[in-house]
Full PDB file with SEQRES, HELIX, SHEET, SSBOND, CRYST1, ORIGX, SCALE, CONECT and MASTER records, all heavy atoms in Angstrom:
SEQRES   1 A   41  CYS VAL SER THR PRO SER PRO THR PRO CYS ASP THR PRO          
SEQRES   2 A   41  THR TYR ALA CYS ASP GLY ASP THR VAL THR LEU CYS ASP          
SEQRES   3 A   41  SER PHE ALA GLY ALA ARG VAL VAL ARG GLU ASP CYS ALA          
SEQRES   4 A   41  ALA GLU                                                      
SHEET    1 AA1 4 THR A   4  PRO A   5  0                                        
SHEET    2 AA1 4 ALA A  31  ASP A  37 -1                                        
SHEET    3 AA1 4 THR A  21  SER A  27 -1                                        
SHEET    4 AA1 4 THR A  14  ASP A  18 -1                                        
SSBOND   1 CYS A   10    CYS A   25                          1555   1555  1.98  
CRYST1    1.000    1.000    1.000  90.00  90.00  90.00 P 1           1          
ORIGX1      1.000000  0.000000  0.000000        0.00000                         
ORIGX2      0.000000  1.000000  0.000000        0.00000                         
ORIGX3      0.000000  0.000000  1.000000        0.00000                         
SCALE1      1.000000  0.000000  0.000000        0.00000                         
SCALE2      0.000000  1.000000  0.000000        0.00000                         
SCALE3      0.000000  0.000000  1.000000        0.00000                         
ATOM      1  N   CYS A   1      46.667  55.416  62.536  1.00  0.00           N  
ATOM      2  CA  CYS A   1      45.601  54.587  63.211  1.00  0.00           C  
ATOM      3  C   CYS A   1      44.768  53.876  62.085  1.00  0.00           C  
ATOM      4  O   CYS A   1      44.296  52.734  62.370  1.00  0.00           O  
ATOM      5  CB  CYS A   1      44.606  55.499  63.950  1.00  0.00           C  
ATOM      6  SG  CYS A   1      45.293  56.131  65.509  1.00  0.00           S  
ATOM      7  N   VAL A   2      44.590  54.518  60.943  1.00  0.00           N  
ATOM      8  CA  VAL A   2      43.698  53.888  59.918  1.00  0.00           C  
ATOM      9  C   VAL A   2      44.302  53.704  58.627  1.00  0.00           C  
ATOM     10  O   VAL A   2      43.637  53.186  57.669  1.00  0.00           O  
ATOM     11  CB  VAL A   2      42.376  54.746  59.817  1.00  0.00           C  
ATOM     12  CG1 VAL A   2      41.628  54.759  61.136  1.00  0.00           C  
ATOM     13  CG2 VAL A   2      42.736  56.157  59.372  1.00  0.00           C  
ATOM     14  N   SER A   3      45.539  54.057  58.393  1.00  0.00           N  
ATOM     15  CA  SER A   3      46.090  53.979  57.066  1.00  0.00           C  
ATOM     16  C   SER A   3      47.641  53.813  57.041  1.00  0.00           C  
ATOM     17  O   SER A   3      48.201  54.020  58.158  1.00  0.00           O  
ATOM     18  CB  SER A   3      45.706  55.234  56.223  1.00  0.00           C  
ATOM     19  OG  SER A   3      46.362  56.398  56.781  1.00  0.00           O  
ATOM     20  N   THR A   4      48.202  53.475  55.987  1.00  0.00           N  
ATOM     21  CA  THR A   4      49.610  53.308  55.926  1.00  0.00           C  
ATOM     22  C   THR A   4      50.132  54.118  54.643  1.00  0.00           C  
ATOM     23  O   THR A   4      49.501  54.237  53.688  1.00  0.00           O  
ATOM     24  CB  THR A   4      50.093  51.891  55.831  1.00  0.00           C  
ATOM     25  OG1 THR A   4      49.418  51.288  54.659  1.00  0.00           O  
ATOM     26  CG2 THR A   4      49.674  51.095  57.070  1.00  0.00           C  
ATOM     27  N   PRO A   5      51.327  54.611  54.609  1.00  0.00           N  
ATOM     28  CA  PRO A   5      51.846  55.263  53.529  1.00  0.00           C  
ATOM     29  C   PRO A   5      51.970  54.326  52.229  1.00  0.00           C  
ATOM     30  O   PRO A   5      52.189  53.125  52.351  1.00  0.00           O  
ATOM     31  CB  PRO A   5      53.273  55.694  53.871  1.00  0.00           C  
ATOM     32  CG  PRO A   5      53.246  55.685  55.317  1.00  0.00           C  
ATOM     33  CD  PRO A   5      52.350  54.592  55.737  1.00  0.00           C  
ATOM     34  N   SER A   6      51.615  54.848  51.081  1.00  0.00           N  
ATOM     35  CA  SER A   6      51.651  53.978  49.888  1.00  0.00           C  
ATOM     36  C   SER A   6      53.007  54.068  49.194  1.00  0.00           C  
ATOM     37  O   SER A   6      53.517  55.201  49.063  1.00  0.00           O  
ATOM     38  CB  SER A   6      50.475  54.436  48.883  1.00  0.00           C  
ATOM     39  OG  SER A   6      50.673  53.768  47.621  1.00  0.00           O  
ATOM     40  N   PRO A   7      53.516  53.075  48.755  1.00  0.00           N  
ATOM     41  CA  PRO A   7      54.870  53.102  48.053  1.00  0.00           C  
ATOM     42  C   PRO A   7      54.796  53.753  46.685  1.00  0.00           C  
ATOM     43  O   PRO A   7      55.702  54.099  46.138  1.00  0.00           O  
ATOM     44  CB  PRO A   7      55.240  51.595  47.968  1.00  0.00           C  
ATOM     45  CG  PRO A   7      53.996  50.940  48.011  1.00  0.00           C  
ATOM     46  CD  PRO A   7      53.088  51.638  48.862  1.00  0.00           C  
ATOM     47  N   THR A   8      53.538  53.834  46.075  1.00  0.00           N  
ATOM     48  CA  THR A   8      53.299  54.392  44.812  1.00  0.00           C  
ATOM     49  C   THR A   8      52.248  55.465  44.802  1.00  0.00           C  
ATOM     50  O   THR A   8      51.383  55.509  45.694  1.00  0.00           O  
ATOM     51  CB  THR A   8      52.975  53.304  43.766  1.00  0.00           C  
ATOM     52  OG1 THR A   8      51.684  52.672  44.266  1.00  0.00           O  
ATOM     53  CG2 THR A   8      54.050  52.289  43.609  1.00  0.00           C  
ATOM     54  N   PRO A   9      52.287  56.366  43.976  1.00  0.00           N  
ATOM     55  CA  PRO A   9      51.294  57.496  43.891  1.00  0.00           C  
ATOM     56  C   PRO A   9      49.932  56.930  43.586  1.00  0.00           C  
ATOM     57  O   PRO A   9      49.778  55.939  42.885  1.00  0.00           O  
ATOM     58  CB  PRO A   9      51.815  58.406  42.840  1.00  0.00           C  
ATOM     59  CG  PRO A   9      53.220  58.161  42.636  1.00  0.00           C  
ATOM     60  CD  PRO A   9      53.338  56.661  42.895  1.00  0.00           C  
ATOM     61  N   CYS A  10      48.803  57.552  44.030  1.00  0.00           N  
ATOM     62  CA  CYS A  10      47.512  57.261  43.753  1.00  0.00           C  
ATOM     63  C   CYS A  10      46.627  58.562  43.766  1.00  0.00           C  
ATOM     64  O   CYS A  10      45.950  58.851  44.664  1.00  0.00           O  
ATOM     65  CB  CYS A  10      46.921  56.227  44.610  1.00  0.00           C  
ATOM     66  SG  CYS A  10      47.177  56.458  46.385  1.00  0.00           S  
ATOM     67  N   ASP A  11      46.849  59.373  42.598  1.00  0.00           N  
ATOM     68  CA  ASP A  11      46.096  60.641  42.621  1.00  0.00           C  
ATOM     69  C   ASP A  11      44.619  60.456  42.423  1.00  0.00           C  
ATOM     70  O   ASP A  11      43.834  61.206  42.824  1.00  0.00           O  
ATOM     71  CB  ASP A  11      46.665  61.441  41.409  1.00  0.00           C  
ATOM     72  CG  ASP A  11      48.194  61.824  41.579  1.00  0.00           C  
ATOM     73  OD1 ASP A  11      48.529  61.991  42.751  1.00  0.00           O  
ATOM     74  OD2 ASP A  11      48.871  61.976  40.636  1.00  0.00           O  
ATOM     75  N   THR A  12      44.220  59.254  41.918  1.00  0.00           N  
ATOM     76  CA  THR A  12      42.860  58.928  41.812  1.00  0.00           C  
ATOM     77  C   THR A  12      42.652  57.595  42.623  1.00  0.00           C  
ATOM     78  O   THR A  12      43.626  56.928  42.797  1.00  0.00           O  
ATOM     79  CB  THR A  12      42.321  58.716  40.353  1.00  0.00           C  
ATOM     80  OG1 THR A  12      43.196  57.624  39.847  1.00  0.00           O  
ATOM     81  CG2 THR A  12      42.527  59.859  39.531  1.00  0.00           C  
ATOM     82  N   PRO A  13      41.509  57.375  43.224  1.00  0.00           N  
ATOM     83  CA  PRO A  13      41.285  56.192  44.116  1.00  0.00           C  
ATOM     84  C   PRO A  13      41.545  54.964  43.331  1.00  0.00           C  
ATOM     85  O   PRO A  13      41.106  54.798  42.179  1.00  0.00           O  
ATOM     86  CB  PRO A  13      39.853  56.366  44.479  1.00  0.00           C  
ATOM     87  CG  PRO A  13      39.457  57.793  44.312  1.00  0.00           C  
ATOM     88  CD  PRO A  13      40.262  58.232  43.192  1.00  0.00           C  
ATOM     89  N   THR A  14      42.415  54.065  44.070  1.00  0.00           N  
ATOM     90  CA  THR A  14      42.662  52.759  43.382  1.00  0.00           C  
ATOM     91  C   THR A  14      42.271  51.719  44.281  1.00  0.00           C  
ATOM     92  O   THR A  14      42.685  51.647  45.500  1.00  0.00           O  
ATOM     93  CB  THR A  14      44.200  52.747  43.246  1.00  0.00           C  
ATOM     94  OG1 THR A  14      44.644  53.769  42.392  1.00  0.00           O  
ATOM     95  CG2 THR A  14      44.569  51.391  42.530  1.00  0.00           C  
ATOM     96  N   TYR A  15      41.265  50.839  43.936  1.00  0.00           N  
ATOM     97  CA  TYR A  15      40.787  49.777  44.769  1.00  0.00           C  
ATOM     98  C   TYR A  15      41.356  48.530  44.352  1.00  0.00           C  
ATOM     99  O   TYR A  15      41.646  48.246  43.215  1.00  0.00           O  
ATOM    100  CB  TYR A  15      39.219  49.675  44.621  1.00  0.00           C  
ATOM    101  CG  TYR A  15      38.420  50.843  45.119  1.00  0.00           C  
ATOM    102  CD1 TYR A  15      38.269  52.036  44.456  1.00  0.00           C  
ATOM    103  CD2 TYR A  15      37.766  50.808  46.400  1.00  0.00           C  
ATOM    104  CE1 TYR A  15      37.516  53.103  44.847  1.00  0.00           C  
ATOM    105  CE2 TYR A  15      37.066  51.887  46.886  1.00  0.00           C  
ATOM    106  CZ  TYR A  15      36.947  53.014  46.046  1.00  0.00           C  
ATOM    107  OH  TYR A  15      36.156  54.002  46.592  1.00  0.00           O  
ATOM    108  N   ALA A  16      41.360  47.542  45.290  1.00  0.00           N  
ATOM    109  CA  ALA A  16      41.779  46.191  44.997  1.00  0.00           C  
ATOM    110  C   ALA A  16      41.269  45.158  46.046  1.00  0.00           C  
ATOM    111  O   ALA A  16      40.957  45.593  47.160  1.00  0.00           O  
ATOM    112  CB  ALA A  16      43.273  46.078  44.847  1.00  0.00           C  
ATOM    113  N   CYS A  17      41.204  43.928  45.740  1.00  0.00           N  
ATOM    114  CA  CYS A  17      40.886  42.915  46.647  1.00  0.00           C  
ATOM    115  C   CYS A  17      42.122  42.128  46.978  1.00  0.00           C  
ATOM    116  O   CYS A  17      42.799  41.756  46.093  1.00  0.00           O  
ATOM    117  CB  CYS A  17      39.815  42.046  46.169  1.00  0.00           C  
ATOM    118  SG  CYS A  17      38.126  42.589  46.095  1.00  0.00           S  
ATOM    119  N   ASP A  18      42.413  42.007  48.315  1.00  0.00           N  
ATOM    120  CA  ASP A  18      43.460  41.150  48.793  1.00  0.00           C  
ATOM    121  C   ASP A  18      42.826  40.057  49.555  1.00  0.00           C  
ATOM    122  O   ASP A  18      42.629  40.195  50.731  1.00  0.00           O  
ATOM    123  CB  ASP A  18      44.487  42.054  49.617  1.00  0.00           C  
ATOM    124  CG  ASP A  18      45.670  41.196  50.203  1.00  0.00           C  
ATOM    125  OD1 ASP A  18      45.762  40.055  49.723  1.00  0.00           O  
ATOM    126  OD2 ASP A  18      46.382  41.777  51.045  1.00  0.00           O  
ATOM    127  N   GLY A  19      42.465  39.040  48.869  1.00  0.00           N  
ATOM    128  CA  GLY A  19      41.648  37.985  49.516  1.00  0.00           C  
ATOM    129  C   GLY A  19      40.261  38.608  49.818  1.00  0.00           C  
ATOM    130  O   GLY A  19      39.652  39.234  48.896  1.00  0.00           O  
ATOM    131  N   ASP A  20      39.929  38.519  51.093  1.00  0.00           N  
ATOM    132  CA  ASP A  20      38.649  39.218  51.435  1.00  0.00           C  
ATOM    133  C   ASP A  20      38.872  40.484  52.223  1.00  0.00           C  
ATOM    134  O   ASP A  20      38.109  40.910  53.165  1.00  0.00           O  
ATOM    135  CB  ASP A  20      37.796  38.266  52.415  1.00  0.00           C  
ATOM    136  CG  ASP A  20      36.954  37.297  51.472  1.00  0.00           C  
ATOM    137  OD1 ASP A  20      36.551  37.677  50.356  1.00  0.00           O  
ATOM    138  OD2 ASP A  20      36.652  36.160  51.933  1.00  0.00           O  
ATOM    139  N   THR A  21      39.967  41.250  51.866  1.00  0.00           N  
ATOM    140  CA  THR A  21      40.307  42.488  52.407  1.00  0.00           C  
ATOM    141  C   THR A  21      40.188  43.551  51.339  1.00  0.00           C  
ATOM    142  O   THR A  21      40.853  43.336  50.270  1.00  0.00           O  
ATOM    143  CB  THR A  21      41.617  42.530  53.049  1.00  0.00           C  
ATOM    144  OG1 THR A  21      41.686  41.656  54.180  1.00  0.00           O  
ATOM    145  CG2 THR A  21      41.952  43.879  53.572  1.00  0.00           C  
ATOM    146  N   VAL A  22      39.445  44.584  51.470  1.00  0.00           N  
ATOM    147  CA  VAL A  22      39.441  45.750  50.499  1.00  0.00           C  
ATOM    148  C   VAL A  22      40.651  46.579  50.804  1.00  0.00           C  
ATOM    149  O   VAL A  22      40.768  46.961  51.930  1.00  0.00           O  
ATOM    150  CB  VAL A  22      38.102  46.488  50.607  1.00  0.00           C  
ATOM    151  CG1 VAL A  22      38.132  47.750  49.749  1.00  0.00           C  
ATOM    152  CG2 VAL A  22      36.884  45.752  50.243  1.00  0.00           C  
ATOM    153  N   THR A  23      41.362  46.943  49.746  1.00  0.00           N  
ATOM    154  CA  THR A  23      42.374  48.026  49.953  1.00  0.00           C  
ATOM    155  C   THR A  23      42.043  49.164  49.070  1.00  0.00           C  
ATOM    156  O   THR A  23      41.568  48.994  47.885  1.00  0.00           O  
ATOM    157  CB  THR A  23      43.757  47.399  49.531  1.00  0.00           C  
ATOM    158  OG1 THR A  23      43.838  47.103  48.141  1.00  0.00           O  
ATOM    159  CG2 THR A  23      44.177  46.140  50.278  1.00  0.00           C  
ATOM    160  N   LEU A  24      42.234  50.409  49.568  1.00  0.00           N  
ATOM    161  CA  LEU A  24      41.996  51.598  48.875  1.00  0.00           C  
ATOM    162  C   LEU A  24      43.180  52.526  49.035  1.00  0.00           C  
ATOM    163  O   LEU A  24      43.495  52.922  50.101  1.00  0.00           O  
ATOM    164  CB  LEU A  24      40.713  52.276  49.346  1.00  0.00           C  
ATOM    165  CG  LEU A  24      40.465  53.730  48.928  1.00  0.00           C  
ATOM    166  CD1 LEU A  24      40.343  53.845  47.447  1.00  0.00           C  
ATOM    167  CD2 LEU A  24      39.241  54.297  49.638  1.00  0.00           C  
ATOM    168  N   CYS A  25      43.797  52.892  47.883  1.00  0.00           N  
ATOM    169  CA  CYS A  25      44.848  53.896  47.918  1.00  0.00           C  
ATOM    170  C   CYS A  25      44.266  55.243  47.516  1.00  0.00           C  
ATOM    171  O   CYS A  25      43.552  55.287  46.442  1.00  0.00           O  
ATOM    172  CB  CYS A  25      45.958  53.461  46.992  1.00  0.00           C  
ATOM    173  SG  CYS A  25      47.403  54.607  47.051  1.00  0.00           S  
ATOM    174  N   ASP A  26      44.439  56.248  48.265  1.00  0.00           N  
ATOM    175  CA  ASP A  26      43.939  57.563  47.965  1.00  0.00           C  
ATOM    176  C   ASP A  26      44.823  58.637  48.596  1.00  0.00           C  
ATOM    177  O   ASP A  26      45.646  58.272  49.477  1.00  0.00           O  
ATOM    178  CB  ASP A  26      42.457  57.641  48.415  1.00  0.00           C  
ATOM    179  CG  ASP A  26      41.693  58.788  47.652  1.00  0.00           C  
ATOM    180  OD1 ASP A  26      42.310  59.503  46.815  1.00  0.00           O  
ATOM    181  OD2 ASP A  26      40.485  58.810  47.768  1.00  0.00           O  
ATOM    182  N   SER A  27      44.607  59.854  48.289  1.00  0.00           N  
ATOM    183  CA  SER A  27      45.365  60.961  48.722  1.00  0.00           C  
ATOM    184  C   SER A  27      44.842  61.565  50.063  1.00  0.00           C  
ATOM    185  O   SER A  27      44.164  62.573  49.932  1.00  0.00           O  
ATOM    186  CB  SER A  27      45.578  62.093  47.661  1.00  0.00           C  
ATOM    187  OG  SER A  27      46.212  61.515  46.524  1.00  0.00           O  
ATOM    188  N   PHE A  28      45.114  60.941  51.194  1.00  0.00           N  
ATOM    189  CA  PHE A  28      44.626  61.407  52.471  1.00  0.00           C  
ATOM    190  C   PHE A  28      45.503  62.604  52.888  1.00  0.00           C  
ATOM    191  O   PHE A  28      45.088  63.719  53.192  1.00  0.00           O  
ATOM    192  CB  PHE A  28      44.576  60.426  53.459  1.00  0.00           C  
ATOM    193  CG  PHE A  28      43.631  59.324  53.368  1.00  0.00           C  
ATOM    194  CD1 PHE A  28      42.794  59.278  52.197  1.00  0.00           C  
ATOM    195  CD2 PHE A  28      43.416  58.384  54.368  1.00  0.00           C  
ATOM    196  CE1 PHE A  28      41.880  58.225  52.072  1.00  0.00           C  
ATOM    197  CE2 PHE A  28      42.528  57.387  54.214  1.00  0.00           C  
ATOM    198  CZ  PHE A  28      41.712  57.275  52.956  1.00  0.00           C  
ATOM    199  N   ALA A  29      46.752  62.337  52.930  1.00  0.00           N  
ATOM    200  CA  ALA A  29      47.766  63.376  53.228  1.00  0.00           C  
ATOM    201  C   ALA A  29      49.005  62.795  52.593  1.00  0.00           C  
ATOM    202  O   ALA A  29      49.910  62.156  53.232  1.00  0.00           O  
ATOM    203  CB  ALA A  29      47.989  63.438  54.756  1.00  0.00           C  
ATOM    204  N   GLY A  30      49.037  62.943  51.203  1.00  0.00           N  
ATOM    205  CA  GLY A  30      50.074  62.157  50.534  1.00  0.00           C  
ATOM    206  C   GLY A  30      49.279  60.865  50.200  1.00  0.00           C  
ATOM    207  O   GLY A  30      48.189  60.646  50.623  1.00  0.00           O  
ATOM    208  N   ALA A  31      49.919  59.943  49.403  1.00  0.00           N  
ATOM    209  CA  ALA A  31      49.263  58.804  49.003  1.00  0.00           C  
ATOM    210  C   ALA A  31      49.249  57.784  50.229  1.00  0.00           C  
ATOM    211  O   ALA A  31      50.258  57.447  50.799  1.00  0.00           O  
ATOM    212  CB  ALA A  31      50.004  58.064  47.890  1.00  0.00           C  
ATOM    213  N   ARG A  32      48.091  57.313  50.609  1.00  0.00           N  
ATOM    214  CA  ARG A  32      48.019  56.480  51.828  1.00  0.00           C  
ATOM    215  C   ARG A  32      47.032  55.328  51.437  1.00  0.00           C  
ATOM    216  O   ARG A  32      46.112  55.469  50.520  1.00  0.00           O  
ATOM    217  CB  ARG A  32      47.511  57.141  53.095  1.00  0.00           C  
ATOM    218  CG  ARG A  32      48.534  58.181  53.386  1.00  0.00           C  
ATOM    219  CD  ARG A  32      48.136  58.803  54.852  1.00  0.00           C  
ATOM    220  NE  ARG A  32      48.386  57.802  55.909  1.00  0.00           N  
ATOM    221  CZ  ARG A  32      49.554  57.697  56.509  1.00  0.00           C  
ATOM    222  NH1 ARG A  32      50.573  58.519  56.199  1.00  0.00           N  
ATOM    223  NH2 ARG A  32      49.754  56.822  57.492  1.00  0.00           N  
ATOM    224  N   VAL A  33      47.130  54.149  52.162  1.00  0.00           N  
ATOM    225  CA  VAL A  33      46.305  53.047  51.954  1.00  0.00           C  
ATOM    226  C   VAL A  33      45.508  52.721  53.143  1.00  0.00           C  
ATOM    227  O   VAL A  33      46.047  52.648  54.230  1.00  0.00           O  
ATOM    228  CB  VAL A  33      47.216  51.746  51.567  1.00  0.00           C  
ATOM    229  CG1 VAL A  33      46.312  50.596  51.344  1.00  0.00           C  
ATOM    230  CG2 VAL A  33      47.931  52.028  50.232  1.00  0.00           C  
ATOM    231  N   VAL A  34      44.129  52.442  52.972  1.00  0.00           N  
ATOM    232  CA  VAL A  34      43.385  51.982  54.004  1.00  0.00           C  
ATOM    233  C   VAL A  34      42.840  50.562  53.666  1.00  0.00           C  
ATOM    234  O   VAL A  34      42.690  50.227  52.433  1.00  0.00           O  
ATOM    235  CB  VAL A  34      42.183  52.845  54.270  1.00  0.00           C  
ATOM    236  CG1 VAL A  34      42.613  54.248  54.846  1.00  0.00           C  
ATOM    237  CG2 VAL A  34      41.313  53.038  53.104  1.00  0.00           C  
ATOM    238  N   ARG A  35      42.557  49.767  54.632  1.00  0.00           N  
ATOM    239  CA  ARG A  35      42.125  48.379  54.421  1.00  0.00           C  
ATOM    240  C   ARG A  35      40.830  48.075  55.213  1.00  0.00           C  
ATOM    241  O   ARG A  35      40.658  48.654  56.375  1.00  0.00           O  
ATOM    242  CB  ARG A  35      43.151  47.422  54.821  1.00  0.00           C  
ATOM    243  CG  ARG A  35      44.397  47.440  53.999  1.00  0.00           C  
ATOM    244  CD  ARG A  35      45.471  46.542  54.434  1.00  0.00           C  
ATOM    245  NE  ARG A  35      46.620  46.470  53.511  1.00  0.00           N  
ATOM    246  CZ  ARG A  35      47.506  47.404  53.382  1.00  0.00           C  
ATOM    247  NH1 ARG A  35      47.466  48.409  54.215  1.00  0.00           N  
ATOM    248  NH2 ARG A  35      48.567  47.254  52.534  1.00  0.00           N  
ATOM    249  N   GLU A  36      39.901  47.343  54.660  1.00  0.00           N  
ATOM    250  CA  GLU A  36      38.686  46.877  55.351  1.00  0.00           C  
ATOM    251  C   GLU A  36      38.636  45.384  55.377  1.00  0.00           C  
ATOM    252  O   GLU A  36      38.566  44.815  54.304  1.00  0.00           O  
ATOM    253  CB  GLU A  36      37.480  47.529  54.855  1.00  0.00           C  
ATOM    254  CG  GLU A  36      36.162  47.172  55.552  1.00  0.00           C  
ATOM    255  CD  GLU A  36      34.949  47.868  55.009  1.00  0.00           C  
ATOM    256  OE1 GLU A  36      35.120  48.589  53.962  1.00  0.00           O  
ATOM    257  OE2 GLU A  36      33.801  47.606  55.538  1.00  0.00           O  
ATOM    258  N   ASP A  37      38.521  44.781  56.558  1.00  0.00           N  
ATOM    259  CA  ASP A  37      38.505  43.341  56.680  1.00  0.00           C  
ATOM    260  C   ASP A  37      37.088  42.874  56.538  1.00  0.00           C  
ATOM    261  O   ASP A  37      36.211  42.794  57.357  1.00  0.00           O  
ATOM    262  CB  ASP A  37      39.058  42.853  57.981  1.00  0.00           C  
ATOM    263  CG  ASP A  37      39.112  41.302  58.095  1.00  0.00           C  
ATOM    264  OD1 ASP A  37      38.747  40.665  57.146  1.00  0.00           O  
ATOM    265  OD2 ASP A  37      39.504  40.860  59.217  1.00  0.00           O  
ATOM    266  N   CYS A  38      36.758  42.470  55.210  1.00  0.00           N  
ATOM    267  CA  CYS A  38      35.378  42.030  54.906  1.00  0.00           C  
ATOM    268  C   CYS A  38      34.954  40.720  55.687  1.00  0.00           C  
ATOM    269  O   CYS A  38      33.860  40.577  56.119  1.00  0.00           O  
ATOM    270  CB  CYS A  38      35.095  41.787  53.478  1.00  0.00           C  
ATOM    271  SG  CYS A  38      35.499  43.213  52.388  1.00  0.00           S  
ATOM    272  N   ALA A  39      36.004  39.908  55.792  1.00  0.00           N  
ATOM    273  CA  ALA A  39      35.635  38.488  56.454  1.00  0.00           C  
ATOM    274  C   ALA A  39      35.263  38.685  57.915  1.00  0.00           C  
ATOM    275  O   ALA A  39      34.455  37.907  58.410  1.00  0.00           O  
ATOM    276  CB  ALA A  39      36.903  37.671  56.385  1.00  0.00           C  
ATOM    277  N   ALA A  40      35.785  39.729  58.552  1.00  0.00           N  
ATOM    278  CA  ALA A  40      35.388  40.039  59.950  1.00  0.00           C  
ATOM    279  C   ALA A  40      33.913  40.370  60.064  1.00  0.00           C  
ATOM    280  O   ALA A  40      33.340  40.221  61.161  1.00  0.00           O  
ATOM    281  CB  ALA A  40      36.243  41.186  60.511  1.00  0.00           C  
ATOM    282  N   GLU A  41      33.328  40.877  58.947  1.00  0.00           N  
ATOM    283  CA  GLU A  41      31.815  41.204  58.935  1.00  0.00           C  
ATOM    284  C   GLU A  41      30.976  40.034  58.301  1.00  0.00           C  
ATOM    285  O   GLU A  41      29.860  40.211  58.069  1.00  0.00           O  
ATOM    286  CB  GLU A  41      31.680  42.406  58.185  1.00  0.00           C  
ATOM    287  CG  GLU A  41      32.498  43.634  58.642  1.00  0.00           C  
ATOM    288  CD  GLU A  41      32.331  44.796  57.679  1.00  0.00           C  
ATOM    289  OE1 GLU A  41      31.249  45.184  57.408  1.00  0.00           O  
ATOM    290  OE2 GLU A  41      33.396  45.330  57.216  1.00  0.00           O  
TER     291      GLU A  41                                                      
CONECT   66  173                                                                
CONECT  173   66                                                                
MASTER        0    0    0    0    4    0    0    6  290    1    2    4          
END                                                                             
């Protein structure tokens, strides 16, 4: 519902900007990525 599996490991939090979307890769249940649409706000 809120994340997708990451193709690469991220044992420590890894942040990035994809345009005006924040992406965060972290170990939720294995490496997973969540996104936040900043532009929508």
